[in-house]
Amino acid sequence: MQAIAGKHCLAVAQVGPDFMIVESPIELPPMPAELIVEIDGHAKRRSIYLPDGIRKTASRTRISPA
């Protein structure tokens, strides 16, 4: 799994209905993003919004539908 936020491509370890856990978080402001989940060679893309941005110190990043 990965998330594309601006020019950044971030590896995602876990996704829930309203959060994601980024493997190596960086500091990003609130912004739209795209979540890409690949299962059995088929990629599914979902537009999301990062209402709090991403913080290096937070274990979870809140997401909402875009």
PDB file of N, CA and C in Angstrom:
ATOM      1  N   MET A   1       0.840  -1.171   0.000  1.00  0.00           N
ATOM      2  CA  MET A   1       0.000   0.000   0.000  1.00  0.00           C
ATOM      3  C   MET A   1       0.882   1.230   0.000  1.00  0.00           C
ATOM      4  N   GLN A   2       0.366   2.251  -0.635  1.00  0.00           N
ATOM      5  CA  GLN A   2       1.091   3.509  -0.635  1.00  0.00           C
ATOM      6  C   GLN A   2       0.113   4.667  -0.725  1.00  0.00           C
ATOM      7  N   ALA A   3       0.593   5.821  -0.325  1.00  0.00           N
ATOM      8  CA  ALA A   3      -0.186   7.047  -0.423  1.00  0.00           C
ATOM      9  C   ALA A   3       0.645   8.065  -1.191  1.00  0.00           C
ATOM     10  N   ILE A   4      -0.013   8.735  -2.108  1.00  0.00           N
ATOM     11  CA  ILE A   4       0.622   9.818  -2.858  1.00  0.00           C
ATOM     12  C   ILE A   4       0.048  11.121  -2.314  1.00  0.00           C
ATOM     13  N   ALA A   5       0.912  11.936  -1.737  1.00  0.00           N
ATOM     14  CA  ALA A   5       0.505  13.224  -1.181  1.00  0.00           C
ATOM     15  C   ALA A   5       1.442  14.283  -1.745  1.00  0.00           C
ATOM     16  N   GLY A   6       0.906  15.132  -2.609  1.00  0.00           N
ATOM     17  CA  GLY A   6       1.767  16.113  -3.275  1.00  0.00           C
ATOM     18  C   GLY A   6       2.795  15.378  -4.111  1.00  0.00           C
ATOM     19  N   LYS A   7       4.065  15.684  -3.917  1.00  0.00           N
ATOM     20  CA  LYS A   7       5.136  15.013  -4.663  1.00  0.00           C
ATOM     21  C   LYS A   7       5.715  13.820  -3.903  1.00  0.00           C
ATOM     22  N   HIS A   8       5.112  13.456  -2.769  1.00  0.00           N
ATOM     23  CA  HIS A   8       5.630  12.398  -1.919  1.00  0.00           C
ATOM     24  C   HIS A   8       4.872  11.084  -2.122  1.00  0.00           C
ATOM     25  N   CYS A   9       5.615  10.005  -2.200  1.00  0.00           N
ATOM     26  CA  CYS A   9       5.048   8.657  -2.249  1.00  0.00           C
ATOM     27  C   CYS A   9       5.447   7.977  -0.943  1.00  0.00           C
ATOM     28  N   LEU A  10       4.449   7.626  -0.121  1.00  0.00           N
ATOM     29  CA  LEU A  10       4.706   7.102   1.220  1.00  0.00           C
ATOM     30  C   LEU A  10       4.213   5.665   1.333  1.00  0.00           C
ATOM     31  N   ALA A  11       5.030   4.788   1.866  1.00  0.00           N
ATOM     32  CA  ALA A  11       4.620   3.406   2.121  1.00  0.00           C
ATOM     33  C   ALA A  11       3.656   3.399   3.304  1.00  0.00           C
ATOM     34  N   VAL A  12       2.552   2.685   3.137  1.00  0.00           N
ATOM     35  CA  VAL A  12       1.515   2.613   4.168  1.00  0.00           C
ATOM     36  C   VAL A  12       1.495   1.198   4.741  1.00  0.00           C
ATOM     37  N   ALA A  13       1.603   1.093   6.056  1.00  0.00           N
ATOM     38  CA  ALA A  13       1.634  -0.212   6.720  1.00  0.00           C
ATOM     39  C   ALA A  13       0.238  -0.738   7.017  1.00  0.00           C
ATOM     40  N   GLN A  14      -0.697   0.157   7.320  1.00  0.00           N
ATOM     41  CA  GLN A  14      -2.043  -0.267   7.721  1.00  0.00           C
ATOM     42  C   GLN A  14      -3.041   0.838   7.400  1.00  0.00           C
ATOM     43  N   VAL A  15      -4.267   0.411   7.041  1.00  0.00           N
ATOM     44  CA  VAL A  15      -5.340   1.366   6.760  1.00  0.00           C
ATOM     45  C   VAL A  15      -6.578   0.929   7.505  1.00  0.00           C
ATOM     46  N   GLY A  16      -7.256   1.882   8.110  1.00  0.00           N
ATOM     47  CA  GLY A  16      -8.550   1.649   8.746  1.00  0.00           C
ATOM     48  C   GLY A  16      -9.573   2.554   8.093  1.00  0.00           C
ATOM     49  N   PRO A  17     -10.786   2.559   8.584  1.00  0.00           N
ATOM     50  CA  PRO A  17     -11.827   3.373   7.959  1.00  0.00           C
ATOM     51  C   PRO A  17     -11.567   4.882   8.029  1.00  0.00           C
ATOM     52  N   ASP A  18     -10.823   5.324   9.043  1.00  0.00           N
ATOM     53  CA  ASP A  18     -10.575   6.760   9.188  1.00  0.00           C
ATOM     54  C   ASP A  18      -9.125   7.086   9.558  1.00  0.00           C
ATOM     55  N   PHE A  19      -8.224   6.148   9.304  1.00  0.00           N
ATOM     56  CA  PHE A  19      -6.812   6.395   9.596  1.00  0.00           C
ATOM     57  C   PHE A  19      -5.922   5.548   8.694  1.00  0.00           C
ATOM     58  N   MET A  20      -4.660   5.926   8.631  1.00  0.00           N
ATOM     59  CA  MET A  20      -3.631   5.086   8.010  1.00  0.00           C
ATOM     60  C   MET A  20      -2.381   5.215   8.861  1.00  0.00           C
ATOM     61  N   ILE A  21      -1.546   4.192   8.796  1.00  0.00           N
ATOM     62  CA  ILE A  21      -0.267   4.208   9.484  1.00  0.00           C
ATOM     63  C   ILE A  21       0.813   4.202   8.411  1.00  0.00           C
ATOM     64  N   VAL A  22       1.584   5.283   8.365  1.00  0.00           N
ATOM     65  CA  VAL A  22       2.653   5.441   7.390  1.00  0.00           C
ATOM     66  C   VAL A  22       3.921   4.823   7.967  1.00  0.00           C
ATOM     67  N   GLU A  23       4.624   4.035   7.152  1.00  0.00           N
ATOM     68  CA  GLU A  23       5.831   3.346   7.642  1.00  0.00           C
ATOM     69  C   GLU A  23       6.926   4.307   8.079  1.00  0.00           C
ATOM     70  N   SER A  24       7.181   5.340   7.297  1.00  0.00           N
ATOM     71  CA  SER A  24       8.203   6.342   7.636  1.00  0.00           C
ATOM     72  C   SER A  24       7.587   7.726   7.492  1.00  0.00           C
ATOM     73  N   PRO A  25       6.856   8.186   8.518  1.00  0.00           N
ATOM     74  CA  PRO A  25       6.144   9.454   8.390  1.00  0.00           C
ATOM     75  C   PRO A  25       7.074  10.649   8.228  1.00  0.00           C
ATOM     76  N   ILE A  26       6.578  11.627   7.482  1.00  0.00           N
ATOM     77  CA  ILE A  26       7.264  12.905   7.307  1.00  0.00           C
ATOM     78  C   ILE A  26       6.266  13.997   7.668  1.00  0.00           C
ATOM     79  N   GLU A  27       6.748  15.204   7.817  1.00  0.00           N
ATOM     80  CA  GLU A  27       5.866  16.322   8.129  1.00  0.00           C
ATOM     81  C   GLU A  27       5.221  16.838   6.843  1.00  0.00           C
ATOM     82  N   LEU A  28       3.890  16.811   6.790  1.00  0.00           N
ATOM     83  CA  LEU A  28       3.140  17.366   5.670  1.00  0.00           C
ATOM     84  C   LEU A  28       1.928  18.109   6.212  1.00  0.00           C
ATOM     85  N   PRO A  29       1.541  19.191   5.568  1.00  0.00           N
ATOM     86  CA  PRO A  29       0.351  19.929   5.999  1.00  0.00           C
ATOM     87  C   PRO A  29      -0.919  19.212   5.528  1.00  0.00           C
ATOM     88  N   PRO A  30      -2.084  19.642   5.988  1.00  0.00           N
ATOM     89  CA  PRO A  30      -3.336  19.084   5.483  1.00  0.00           C
ATOM     90  C   PRO A  30      -3.394  19.227   3.959  1.00  0.00           C
ATOM     91  N   MET A  31      -3.817  18.164   3.275  1.00  0.00           N
ATOM     92  CA  MET A  31      -3.868  18.184   1.811  1.00  0.00           C
ATOM     93  C   MET A  31      -4.616  16.968   1.288  1.00  0.00           C
ATOM     94  N   PRO A  32      -5.046  17.015   0.022  1.00  0.00           N
ATOM     95  CA  PRO A  32      -5.617  15.821  -0.591  1.00  0.00           C
ATOM     96  C   PRO A  32      -4.505  14.823  -0.891  1.00  0.00           C
ATOM     97  N   ALA A  33      -4.876  13.568  -0.983  1.00  0.00           N
ATOM     98  CA  ALA A  33      -3.910  12.508  -1.289  1.00  0.00           C
ATOM     99  C   ALA A  33      -4.642  11.381  -2.012  1.00  0.00           C
ATOM    100  N   GLU A  34      -3.883  10.409  -2.460  1.00  0.00           N
ATOM    101  CA  GLU A  34      -4.459   9.242  -3.098  1.00  0.00           C
ATOM    102  C   GLU A  34      -3.895   8.002  -2.416  1.00  0.00           C
ATOM    103  N   LEU A  35      -4.777   7.116  -2.004  1.00  0.00           N
ATOM    104  CA  LEU A  35      -4.384   5.866  -1.372  1.00  0.00           C
ATOM    105  C   LEU A  35      -4.438   4.778  -2.434  1.00  0.00           C
ATOM    106  N   ILE A  36      -3.359   4.024  -2.585  1.00  0.00           N
ATOM    107  CA  ILE A  36      -3.288   2.964  -3.590  1.00  0.00           C
ATOM    108  C   ILE A  36      -3.076   1.641  -2.877  1.00  0.00           C
ATOM    109  N   VAL A  37      -4.017   0.731  -3.081  1.00  0.00           N
ATOM    110  CA  VAL A  37      -3.956  -0.602  -2.480  1.00  0.00           C
ATOM    111  C   VAL A  37      -3.897  -1.606  -3.620  1.00  0.00           C
ATOM    112  N   GLU A  38      -2.873  -2.449  -3.623  1.00  0.00           N
ATOM    113  CA  GLU A  38      -2.722  -3.455  -4.669  1.00  0.00           C
ATOM    114  C   GLU A  38      -2.958  -4.837  -4.080  1.00  0.00           C
ATOM    115  N   ILE A  39      -3.913  -5.546  -4.673  1.00  0.00           N
ATOM    116  CA  ILE A  39      -4.243  -6.904  -4.242  1.00  0.00           C
ATOM    117  C   ILE A  39      -4.252  -7.796  -5.464  1.00  0.00           C
ATOM    118  N   ASP A  40      -3.470  -8.857  -5.420  1.00  0.00           N
ATOM    119  CA  ASP A  40      -3.385  -9.811  -6.529  1.00  0.00           C
ATOM    120  C   ASP A  40      -3.107  -9.123  -7.855  1.00  0.00           C
ATOM    121  N   GLY A  41      -2.241  -8.139  -7.847  1.00  0.00           N
ATOM    122  CA  GLY A  41      -1.847  -7.460  -9.066  1.00  0.00           C
ATOM    123  C   GLY A  41      -2.820  -6.401  -9.559  1.00  0.00           C
ATOM    124  N   HIS A  42      -3.910  -6.186  -8.852  1.00  0.00           N
ATOM    125  CA  HIS A  42      -4.889  -5.175  -9.242  1.00  0.00           C
ATOM    126  C   HIS A  42      -4.836  -4.009  -8.256  1.00  0.00           C
ATOM    127  N   ALA A  43      -4.571  -2.824  -8.790  1.00  0.00           N
ATOM    128  CA  ALA A  43      -4.477  -1.633  -7.938  1.00  0.00           C
ATOM    129  C   ALA A  43      -5.833  -0.955  -7.835  1.00  0.00           C
ATOM    130  N   LYS A  44      -6.192  -0.597  -6.606  1.00  0.00           N
ATOM    131  CA  LYS A  44      -7.398   0.200  -6.356  1.00  0.00           C
ATOM    132  C   LYS A  44      -6.930   1.533  -5.809  1.00  0.00           C
ATOM    133  N   ARG A  45      -7.475   2.597  -6.361  1.00  0.00           N
ATOM    134  CA  ARG A  45      -7.099   3.953  -5.954  1.00  0.00           C
ATOM    135  C   ARG A  45      -8.283   4.625  -5.289  1.00  0.00           C
ATOM    136  N   ARG A  46      -8.004   5.335  -4.227  1.00  0.00           N
ATOM    137  CA  ARG A  46      -9.055   6.033  -3.489  1.00  0.00           C
ATOM    138  C   ARG A  46      -8.568   7.445  -3.148  1.00  0.00           C
ATOM    139  N   SER A  47      -9.364   8.423  -3.498  1.00  0.00           N
ATOM    140  CA  SER A  47      -9.036   9.806  -3.150  1.00  0.00           C
ATOM    141  C   SER A  47      -9.371  10.028  -1.681  1.00  0.00           C
ATOM    142  N   ILE A  48      -8.412  10.572  -0.953  1.00  0.00           N
ATOM    143  CA  ILE A  48      -8.602  10.842   0.475  1.00  0.00           C
ATOM    144  C   ILE A  48      -8.153  12.260   0.777  1.00  0.00           C
ATOM    145  N   TYR A  49      -8.463  12.706   1.975  1.00  0.00           N
ATOM    146  CA  TYR A  49      -7.976  13.994   2.457  1.00  0.00           C
ATOM    147  C   TYR A  49      -7.290  13.767   3.789  1.00  0.00           C
ATOM    148  N   LEU A  50      -6.184  14.441   4.002  1.00  0.00           N
ATOM    149  CA  LEU A  50      -5.430  14.363   5.254  1.00  0.00           C
ATOM    150  C   LEU A  50      -5.763  15.612   6.068  1.00  0.00           C
ATOM    151  N   PRO A  51      -6.825  15.585   6.887  1.00  0.00           N
ATOM    152  CA  PRO A  51      -7.277  16.796   7.576  1.00  0.00           C
ATOM    153  C   PRO A  51      -6.262  17.365   8.569  1.00  0.00           C
ATOM    154  N   ASP A  52      -5.402  16.523   9.106  1.00  0.00           N
ATOM    155  CA  ASP A  52      -4.376  16.983  10.050  1.00  0.00           C
ATOM    156  C   ASP A  52      -2.988  16.954   9.429  1.00  0.00           C
ATOM    157  N   GLY A  53      -2.902  16.613   8.156  1.00  0.00           N
ATOM    158  CA  GLY A  53      -1.602  16.418   7.532  1.00  0.00           C
ATOM    159  C   GLY A  53      -0.987  15.124   8.056  1.00  0.00           C
ATOM    160  N   ILE A  54       0.314  15.012   7.923  1.00  0.00           N
ATOM    161  CA  ILE A  54       1.062  13.873   8.465  1.00  0.00           C
ATOM    162  C   ILE A  54       2.103  14.432   9.421  1.00  0.00           C
ATOM    163  N   ARG A  55       2.247  13.809  10.558  1.00  0.00           N
ATOM    164  CA  ARG A  55       3.227  14.240  11.562  1.00  0.00           C
ATOM    165  C   ARG A  55       4.225  13.114  11.820  1.00  0.00           C
ATOM    166  N   LYS A  56       5.486  13.461  11.925  1.00  0.00           N
ATOM    167  CA  LYS A  56       6.527  12.469  12.222  1.00  0.00           C
ATOM    168  C   LYS A  56       6.294  11.779  13.556  1.00  0.00           C
ATOM    169  N   THR A  57       5.733  12.500  14.501  1.00  0.00           N
ATOM    170  CA  THR A  57       5.598  11.985  15.857  1.00  0.00           C
ATOM    171  C   THR A  57       4.301  11.224  16.102  1.00  0.00           C
ATOM    172  N   ALA A  58       3.384  11.221  15.140  1.00  0.00           N
ATOM    173  CA  ALA A  58       2.094  10.540  15.328  1.00  0.00           C
ATOM    174  C   ALA A  58       2.140   9.147  14.722  1.00  0.00           C
ATOM    175  N   SER A  59       1.613   8.166  15.453  1.00  0.00           N
ATOM    176  CA  SER A  59       1.610   6.806  14.916  1.00  0.00           C
ATOM    177  C   SER A  59       0.513   6.612  13.882  1.00  0.00           C
ATOM    178  N   ARG A  60      -0.593   7.351  14.013  1.00  0.00           N
ATOM    179  CA  ARG A  60      -1.702   7.259  13.059  1.00  0.00           C
ATOM    180  C   ARG A  60      -1.914   8.601  12.379  1.00  0.00           C
ATOM    181  N   THR A  61      -2.336   8.533  11.128  1.00  0.00           N
ATOM    182  CA  THR A  61      -2.686   9.715  10.371  1.00  0.00           C
ATOM    183  C   THR A  61      -4.164   9.642  10.057  1.00  0.00           C
ATOM    184  N   ARG A  62      -4.898  10.657  10.451  1.00  0.00           N
ATOM    185  CA  ARG A  62      -6.340  10.675  10.206  1.00  0.00           C
ATOM    186  C   ARG A  62      -6.596  10.920   8.722  1.00  0.00           C
ATOM    187  N   ILE A  63      -7.549  10.170   8.145  1.00  0.00           N
ATOM    188  CA  ILE A  63      -7.941  10.360   6.758  1.00  0.00           C
ATOM    189  C   ILE A  63      -9.453  10.522   6.682  1.00  0.00           C
ATOM    190  N   SER A  64      -9.907  11.169   5.617  1.00  0.00           N
ATOM    191  CA  SER A  64     -11.334  11.289   5.362  1.00  0.00           C
ATOM    192  C   SER A  64     -11.544  11.216   3.852  1.00  0.00           C
ATOM    193  N   PRO A  65     -12.767  10.943   3.415  1.00  0.00           N
ATOM    194  CA  PRO A  65     -13.016  10.916   1.970  1.00  0.00           C
ATOM    195  C   PRO A  65     -12.745  12.293   1.359  1.00  0.00           C
ATOM    196  N   ALA A  66     -12.249  12.295   0.144  1.00  0.00           N
ATOM    197  CA  ALA A  66     -11.956  13.578  -0.531  1.00  0.00           C
ATOM    198  C   ALA A  66     -13.190  14.102  -1.218  1.00  0.00           C
TER     199      ALA A  66
END
